[in-house]
N, C-alpha and C. Protein backbone atom coordinates (compact mmCIF):
# COMPACT_ATOMS: atom_id res chain seq x y z
N MET A 1 165.98 137.73 61.33
CA MET A 1 165.44 136.76 60.38
C MET A 1 164.89 138.32 58.98
N ASN A 2 165.40 138.18 57.86
CA ASN A 2 164.64 139.03 57.04
C ASN A 2 163.71 138.75 56.09
N ILE A 3 162.71 138.62 56.51
CA ILE A 3 161.99 138.22 55.47
C ILE A 3 161.38 139.34 54.62
N PRO A 4 161.09 139.16 53.35
CA PRO A 4 160.62 140.26 52.43
C PRO A 4 159.25 140.19 52.40
N THR A 5 158.59 141.21 52.60
CA THR A 5 157.01 141.70 52.40
C THR A 5 156.23 140.53 51.52
N ARG A 6 155.33 140.27 51.65
CA ARG A 6 154.61 139.45 50.64
C ARG A 6 154.44 140.25 49.24
N ASP A 7 154.23 141.68 49.32
CA ASP A 7 154.20 142.63 48.22
C ASP A 7 155.94 142.32 47.26
N GLU A 8 156.64 142.20 48.01
CA GLU A 8 158.19 142.23 47.78
C GLU A 8 158.35 140.97 46.89
N ARG A 9 157.73 139.66 47.52
CA ARG A 9 157.78 138.23 46.85
C ARG A 9 157.10 138.09 45.54
N LEU A 10 155.73 138.82 45.79
CA LEU A 10 154.90 138.38 44.36
C LEU A 10 155.65 139.30 43.38
N LYS A 11 156.00 140.50 43.74
CA LYS A 11 157.23 141.29 42.42
C LYS A 11 158.09 140.76 41.77
N HIS A 12 158.77 140.05 42.94
CA HIS A 12 159.32 138.89 42.20
C HIS A 12 158.99 137.97 41.56
N ALA A 13 158.18 137.26 41.73
CA ALA A 13 157.55 136.67 41.27
C ALA A 13 156.76 136.83 39.89
N LYS A 14 156.43 138.05 39.64
CA LYS A 14 155.88 138.54 38.73
C LYS A 14 156.88 138.46 37.74
N HIS A 15 158.15 139.00 37.86
CA HIS A 15 159.07 139.19 37.23
C HIS A 15 160.33 138.27 36.46
N HIS A 16 159.92 136.92 37.68
CA HIS A 16 161.42 136.14 37.61
C HIS A 16 161.36 135.63 35.92
N CYS A 17 160.37 135.01 35.58
CA CYS A 17 160.49 134.29 34.18
C CYS A 17 160.43 135.25 33.23
N GLU A 18 159.79 136.34 32.88
CA GLU A 18 159.79 137.62 32.08
C GLU A 18 161.53 138.17 32.08
N LEU A 19 162.55 137.91 33.04
CA LEU A 19 163.43 138.49 32.94
C LEU A 19 164.50 137.32 32.31
N TRP A 20 164.50 136.05 33.06
CA TRP A 20 164.66 134.94 32.42
C TRP A 20 164.82 134.74 30.91
N ASN A 21 163.57 134.48 30.76
CA ASN A 21 163.28 134.55 29.12
C ASN A 21 163.76 135.64 28.35
N ALA A 22 164.07 136.73 28.92
CA ALA A 22 164.82 137.94 28.21
C ALA A 22 165.65 138.01 27.98
N GLY A 23 166.24 137.11 28.59
CA GLY A 23 167.88 137.02 28.39
C GLY A 23 168.83 138.23 29.35
N LYS A 24 167.70 138.77 30.42
CA LYS A 24 168.50 139.76 31.23
C LYS A 24 169.12 139.31 32.62
N LYS A 25 170.39 138.86 32.56
CA LYS A 25 170.78 138.14 33.55
C LYS A 25 170.82 138.93 34.97
N GLU A 26 171.61 140.12 34.61
CA GLU A 26 172.05 141.39 35.65
C GLU A 26 170.57 141.61 36.27
N GLU A 27 169.64 141.70 35.84
CA GLU A 27 168.36 141.99 36.18
C GLU A 27 167.48 140.83 37.08
N TRP A 28 167.86 139.91 36.59
CA TRP A 28 167.40 138.73 37.37
C TRP A 28 168.21 138.69 38.49
N ILE A 29 169.13 138.23 38.68
CA ILE A 29 169.90 138.27 39.99
C ILE A 29 169.68 139.38 40.41
N ALA A 30 169.38 140.49 40.25
CA ALA A 30 169.09 141.51 41.17
C ALA A 30 167.26 141.52 41.62
N SER A 31 166.81 141.16 41.10
CA SER A 31 165.21 140.64 41.22
C SER A 31 165.42 139.55 42.40
N TRP A 32 166.37 138.74 42.56
CA TRP A 32 166.19 137.81 43.26
C TRP A 32 167.21 138.18 44.79
N ARG A 33 168.23 139.37 44.42
CA ARG A 33 169.26 139.87 45.75
C ARG A 33 167.59 140.74 46.60
N SER A 34 166.77 141.19 45.95
CA SER A 34 165.90 141.94 46.22
C SER A 34 165.16 141.59 47.51
N ILE A 35 164.92 140.04 47.68
CA ILE A 35 164.13 139.29 48.23
C ILE A 35 164.97 138.31 49.07
N VAL A 36 166.32 138.19 48.74
CA VAL A 36 167.23 137.11 49.44
C VAL A 36 168.35 138.42 50.05
N LYS A 37 168.52 138.16 50.83
CA LYS A 37 169.44 139.07 51.53
C LYS A 37 170.69 138.41 52.37
N THR A 38 170.90 136.97 51.98
CA THR A 38 171.97 136.23 52.73
C THR A 38 172.67 135.31 51.87
N ASP A 39 173.79 135.02 51.51
CA ASP A 39 174.62 134.25 51.02
C ASP A 39 174.48 132.72 51.51
N ASN A 40 173.95 132.64 52.89
CA ASN A 40 173.84 131.36 53.12
C ASN A 40 172.19 130.55 52.69
N VAL A 41 172.50 130.08 51.61
CA VAL A 41 171.61 129.53 50.64
C VAL A 41 171.70 128.46 50.50
N VAL A 42 170.64 127.36 50.98
CA VAL A 42 170.64 125.84 50.74
C VAL A 42 169.79 125.45 49.54
N MET A 43 169.87 124.94 48.78
CA MET A 43 168.92 124.59 47.41
C MET A 43 168.96 122.99 47.24
N TYR A 44 168.24 122.57 47.10
CA TYR A 44 167.54 120.83 46.76
C TYR A 44 167.10 120.76 45.60
N ASP A 45 167.78 120.70 44.61
CA ASP A 45 167.39 120.78 43.32
C ASP A 45 168.13 119.78 42.46
N PRO A 46 166.85 118.61 42.53
CA PRO A 46 165.64 118.75 43.16
C PRO A 46 165.61 117.78 44.09
N VAL A 47 164.68 118.08 45.30
CA VAL A 47 164.82 117.32 46.37
C VAL A 47 165.10 115.67 46.22
N GLY A 48 166.11 115.68 46.85
CA GLY A 48 166.41 113.78 47.13
C GLY A 48 168.04 113.81 46.65
N THR A 49 168.50 115.16 45.95
CA THR A 49 169.98 115.13 45.65
C THR A 49 170.59 115.80 46.44
N GLU A 50 171.76 115.84 46.23
CA GLU A 50 172.82 116.76 47.26
C GLU A 50 172.44 117.94 47.17
N ALA A 51 172.77 118.70 48.35
CA ALA A 51 172.21 120.30 48.68
C ALA A 51 173.30 120.85 47.78
N LYS A 52 172.96 122.33 47.34
CA LYS A 52 173.51 122.73 46.51
C LYS A 52 173.79 124.30 47.47
N LYS A 53 174.94 124.76 47.54
CA LYS A 53 174.80 126.22 48.38
C LYS A 53 175.27 127.30 48.02
N GLY A 54 174.79 128.59 48.43
CA GLY A 54 175.75 129.56 47.94
C GLY A 54 174.26 130.49 46.94
N PHE A 55 174.37 131.65 47.47
CA PHE A 55 173.35 132.58 46.68
C PHE A 55 173.86 132.54 44.76
N ASP A 56 175.23 132.30 44.46
CA ASP A 56 175.45 132.40 43.32
C ASP A 56 175.37 131.10 42.50
N HIS A 57 175.10 129.87 43.33
CA HIS A 57 174.81 128.60 42.59
C HIS A 57 173.35 128.68 42.30
N PHE A 58 172.78 129.38 42.89
CA PHE A 58 171.02 129.41 42.15
C PHE A 58 170.81 130.21 41.43
N THR A 59 171.64 131.42 41.08
CA THR A 59 171.57 132.51 40.66
C THR A 59 172.80 132.05 39.42
N SER A 60 173.57 133.09 39.31
CA SER A 60 174.78 133.01 38.24
C SER A 60 174.98 131.60 37.75
N HIS A 61 175.28 130.77 38.40
CA HIS A 61 175.64 129.17 38.06
C HIS A 61 174.39 128.46 37.18
N ALA A 62 173.10 128.60 37.92
CA ALA A 62 172.08 128.11 37.13
C ALA A 62 171.57 128.52 35.63
N TRP A 63 171.77 130.18 35.54
CA TRP A 63 171.41 130.71 34.37
C TRP A 63 172.57 130.44 33.44
N ASP A 64 174.28 130.37 33.99
CA ASP A 64 175.01 129.92 32.71
C ASP A 64 174.88 129.05 32.59
N LEU A 65 174.21 127.65 33.35
CA LEU A 65 174.13 126.08 32.73
C LEU A 65 172.88 126.13 31.76
N PHE A 66 171.58 127.17 32.10
CA PHE A 66 170.13 126.47 31.75
C PHE A 66 169.72 127.74 30.76
N GLN A 67 169.93 129.09 30.72
CA GLN A 67 169.24 130.09 30.43
C GLN A 67 169.03 129.58 28.81
N SER A 68 170.01 129.45 28.19
CA SER A 68 169.96 129.35 26.63
C SER A 68 169.26 128.14 26.30
N LEU A 69 168.96 126.96 27.56
CA LEU A 69 168.15 126.15 27.09
C LEU A 69 166.34 126.06 27.53
N LEU A 70 166.22 126.93 28.51
CA LEU A 70 164.96 126.70 29.20
C LEU A 70 164.34 128.18 29.32
N LYS A 71 162.82 127.85 28.93
CA LYS A 71 162.06 129.25 28.92
C LYS A 71 160.92 128.75 29.94
N MET A 72 160.56 129.20 30.88
CA MET A 72 159.82 128.98 32.03
C MET A 72 158.52 130.30 31.67
N TYR A 73 157.61 129.70 32.23
CA TYR A 73 156.42 130.38 32.29
C TYR A 73 155.63 130.19 33.75
N LEU A 74 155.42 131.31 34.53
CA LEU A 74 154.80 131.28 35.94
C LEU A 74 153.01 130.52 35.87
N PHE A 75 152.88 129.93 36.16
CA PHE A 75 151.49 129.09 36.49
C PHE A 75 150.58 129.83 37.47
N LYS A 76 151.39 129.61 38.89
CA LYS A 76 150.94 129.74 40.10
C LYS A 76 151.84 129.99 41.13
N VAL A 77 151.43 131.02 41.81
CA VAL A 77 152.37 131.63 43.04
C VAL A 77 151.73 131.47 44.45
N HIS A 78 152.35 130.85 45.45
CA HIS A 78 151.30 131.31 46.81
C HIS A 78 152.69 131.94 47.53
N VAL A 79 152.36 132.68 49.12
CA VAL A 79 152.92 133.48 49.56
C VAL A 79 152.35 133.21 51.00
N ASN A 80 152.86 132.40 51.99
CA ASN A 80 152.35 132.05 53.18
C ASN A 80 153.60 132.19 54.27
N GLY A 81 153.05 133.28 55.36
CA GLY A 81 154.30 133.37 56.10
C GLY A 81 155.68 133.69 55.85
N ASN A 82 156.66 133.00 56.20
CA ASN A 82 157.78 133.03 55.73
C ASN A 82 158.38 132.27 54.50
N GLU A 83 157.63 131.87 54.22
CA GLU A 83 157.49 130.47 52.43
C GLU A 83 157.04 131.46 51.47
N MET A 84 157.20 131.26 50.36
CA MET A 84 156.68 131.22 49.10
C MET A 84 157.03 129.73 48.25
N ALA A 85 156.07 129.51 47.42
CA ALA A 85 155.89 128.30 46.27
C ALA A 85 155.12 129.12 45.30
N TRP A 86 155.85 128.48 43.86
CA TRP A 86 155.13 128.69 42.82
C TRP A 86 155.45 127.26 41.76
N VAL A 87 154.45 127.38 41.04
CA VAL A 87 154.57 126.27 39.93
C VAL A 87 155.10 127.01 38.31
N ILE A 88 155.79 126.25 37.71
CA ILE A 88 156.52 126.76 36.24
C ILE A 88 156.24 126.05 35.42
N GLU A 89 156.17 126.33 34.06
CA GLU A 89 155.99 125.57 33.23
C GLU A 89 157.19 125.68 32.61
N CYS A 90 157.98 124.95 32.37
CA CYS A 90 159.30 124.62 31.87
C CYS A 90 159.09 124.06 30.57
N HIS A 91 159.97 124.82 29.60
CA HIS A 91 160.30 124.34 28.18
C HIS A 91 161.75 124.18 28.27
N PHE A 92 161.97 122.85 28.27
CA PHE A 92 163.31 122.67 28.05
C PHE A 92 163.73 122.01 26.88
N GLY A 93 164.82 122.48 26.53
CA GLY A 93 165.34 122.07 24.90
C GLY A 93 165.67 123.09 23.98
N GLU A 94 166.24 122.44 22.63
CA GLU A 94 166.12 123.63 21.51
C GLU A 94 165.57 123.01 20.17
N GLY A 95 165.36 123.57 19.49
CA GLY A 95 164.67 123.28 18.00
C GLY A 95 163.53 122.17 18.50
N ASP A 96 163.49 121.50 17.82
CA ASP A 96 162.58 120.04 17.57
C ASP A 96 162.61 119.08 19.15
N ASN A 97 163.76 119.58 19.80
CA ASN A 97 163.86 118.51 21.36
C ASN A 97 163.58 119.06 22.16
N VAL A 98 162.34 120.06 22.55
CA VAL A 98 161.91 120.44 23.70
C VAL A 98 160.99 119.83 24.57
N VAL A 99 160.84 119.76 25.88
CA VAL A 99 160.08 118.97 26.33
C VAL A 99 159.84 119.89 27.61
N VAL A 100 158.14 119.76 27.42
CA VAL A 100 157.38 120.55 28.50
C VAL A 100 157.41 119.67 29.76
N THR A 101 157.52 120.54 30.93
CA THR A 101 157.25 119.82 32.16
C THR A 101 156.78 120.63 33.00
N HIS A 102 156.30 120.86 34.57
CA HIS A 102 156.16 121.68 35.32
C HIS A 102 157.52 121.30 36.61
N SER A 103 157.87 122.65 37.37
CA SER A 103 158.75 122.16 38.26
C SER A 103 157.82 123.14 39.37
N ILE A 104 157.75 122.63 40.51
CA ILE A 104 157.41 122.83 42.07
C ILE A 104 158.33 123.63 42.24
N GLU A 105 158.37 124.60 43.44
CA GLU A 105 159.34 125.17 43.85
C GLU A 105 159.01 125.86 45.30
N THR A 106 159.68 125.83 46.13
CA THR A 106 159.21 126.40 47.73
C THR A 106 160.44 126.91 47.90
N PHE A 107 160.18 127.91 48.49
CA PHE A 107 161.61 129.15 49.08
C PHE A 107 160.97 129.18 50.51
N GLN A 108 161.83 129.07 51.60
CA GLN A 108 161.83 129.53 53.02
C GLN A 108 162.71 130.33 53.60
N TRP A 109 162.13 131.75 54.60
CA TRP A 109 163.17 132.38 55.03
C TRP A 109 163.08 131.67 56.48
N CYS A 110 164.30 131.08 56.68
CA CYS A 110 164.44 130.11 57.99
C CYS A 110 165.04 131.29 59.01
N ASP A 111 164.46 130.93 60.43
CA ASP A 111 164.79 131.60 61.85
C ASP A 111 166.13 131.80 62.14
N ASP A 112 167.22 131.20 61.13
CA ASP A 112 168.28 131.44 61.52
C ASP A 112 169.07 132.20 60.45
N GLY A 113 168.20 132.97 59.62
CA GLY A 113 168.99 134.21 58.51
C GLY A 113 169.04 133.42 57.08
N SER A 114 168.97 131.82 57.15
CA SER A 114 169.49 131.27 56.12
C SER A 114 168.13 131.35 55.10
N PHE A 115 168.49 131.10 53.54
CA PHE A 115 167.47 130.72 52.88
C PHE A 115 167.57 129.35 52.15
N GLN A 116 166.00 129.07 52.12
CA GLN A 116 166.04 127.08 51.75
C GLN A 116 165.50 127.12 50.38
N ILE A 117 165.68 126.82 49.71
CA ILE A 117 165.25 126.47 48.43
C ILE A 117 164.94 125.03 48.00
N LYS A 118 163.61 124.29 47.74
CA LYS A 118 163.46 122.85 47.35
C LYS A 118 162.96 122.77 45.81
N THR A 119 163.44 122.14 45.04
CA THR A 119 162.15 122.01 43.69
C THR A 119 162.19 120.25 43.51
N TYR A 120 160.89 120.46 42.90
CA TYR A 120 160.32 118.97 42.46
C TYR A 120 159.89 119.00 40.74
N TYR A 121 160.62 118.27 40.33
CA TYR A 121 160.29 118.00 38.71
C TYR A 121 160.71 116.37 38.87
N GLU A 122 160.31 116.31 37.62
CA GLU A 122 160.29 114.56 36.71
C GLU A 122 162.20 114.30 36.83
N MET A 123 162.20 113.41 37.17
CA MET A 123 163.80 112.88 37.36
C MET A 123 163.59 111.36 37.66
N PRO A 124 164.55 110.56 36.74
CA PRO A 124 164.46 109.18 36.90
C PRO A 124 164.18 108.40 38.22
N GLU A 125 164.11 107.79 38.58
CA GLU A 125 163.91 107.19 39.94
C GLU A 125 165.39 106.80 40.44
N ALA A 126 166.02 106.15 39.53
CA ALA A 126 167.45 105.81 39.70
C ALA A 126 168.26 107.00 39.82
N LEU A 127 168.04 107.90 39.66
CA LEU A 127 168.89 109.37 40.06
C LEU A 127 169.24 109.54 41.68
N GLY A 128 170.44 109.47 41.98
CA GLY A 128 170.40 109.33 43.68
C GLY A 128 171.05 111.01 43.83
N GLU A 129 170.89 110.65 45.53
CA GLU A 129 171.55 111.61 45.77
C GLU A 129 173.32 112.68 45.37
N LYS A 130 173.55 111.46 45.28
CA LYS A 130 175.46 111.66 44.31
C LYS A 130 175.38 111.87 43.27
N ASP A 131 174.31 111.57 42.62
CA ASP A 131 174.12 112.01 41.16
C ASP A 131 173.92 113.57 40.40
N ASP A 132 174.54 113.90 39.33
CA ASP A 132 174.25 115.26 39.02
C ASP A 132 173.20 115.14 38.03
N PRO A 133 171.91 116.12 38.85
CA PRO A 133 170.96 116.40 38.12
C PRO A 133 170.94 117.04 37.26
N TYR A 134 171.82 117.96 36.95
CA TYR A 134 172.22 118.73 35.98
C TYR A 134 172.76 118.14 34.69
N GLN A 135 173.58 117.51 35.08
CA GLN A 135 174.14 116.99 33.72
C GLN A 135 173.26 115.86 33.00
N TYR A 136 172.48 115.14 33.99
CA TYR A 136 171.68 114.62 33.31
C TYR A 136 170.38 114.99 32.41
N LEU A 137 170.35 116.60 33.26
CA LEU A 137 169.34 116.80 31.84
C LEU A 137 170.15 117.53 30.70
N LEU A 138 171.21 118.25 31.02
CA LEU A 138 171.63 118.41 29.71
C LEU A 138 172.29 117.26 29.14
N ASP A 139 172.59 116.09 29.52
CA ASP A 139 172.90 115.17 28.43
C ASP A 139 171.43 114.65 27.89
N GLN A 140 170.54 114.82 28.43
CA GLN A 140 168.80 114.44 27.64
C GLN A 140 168.85 115.44 26.46
N ASN A 141 169.35 115.99 26.33
CA ASN A 141 169.46 117.63 25.34
C ASN A 141 170.60 117.56 24.32
N GLY A 142 171.62 116.62 24.39
CA GLY A 142 172.26 116.36 23.69
C GLY A 142 173.55 117.35 23.52
């Protein structure tokens, strides 16, 4: 199991939103790669929907879908054992159509060498495991 140090995880957290908001895709992905050495990534985004898999899904794919519509501001980060969690204030949308919400995100470096992400943010109760939460968010922004 390749668990980054506490300082490495905190360094990544410190720059996560800053790089995203500045539009520095390559630096943002490199920051993630500095703490996630595997491509065996499982992400529940949000929890309750179908798992997304792979390093590229939670980096390049997420960037391409949302970077132009989302500004993020780190509120709080905690590092404990082989896990990290943070709360991010999210400003989603553009122009006069911006919604401010919070995302709780947890990260676990697992014993089998995989990396797991779970996110928690407001979604309609009717959104099921097979529904696409990304399409829902994009549709809400017109």
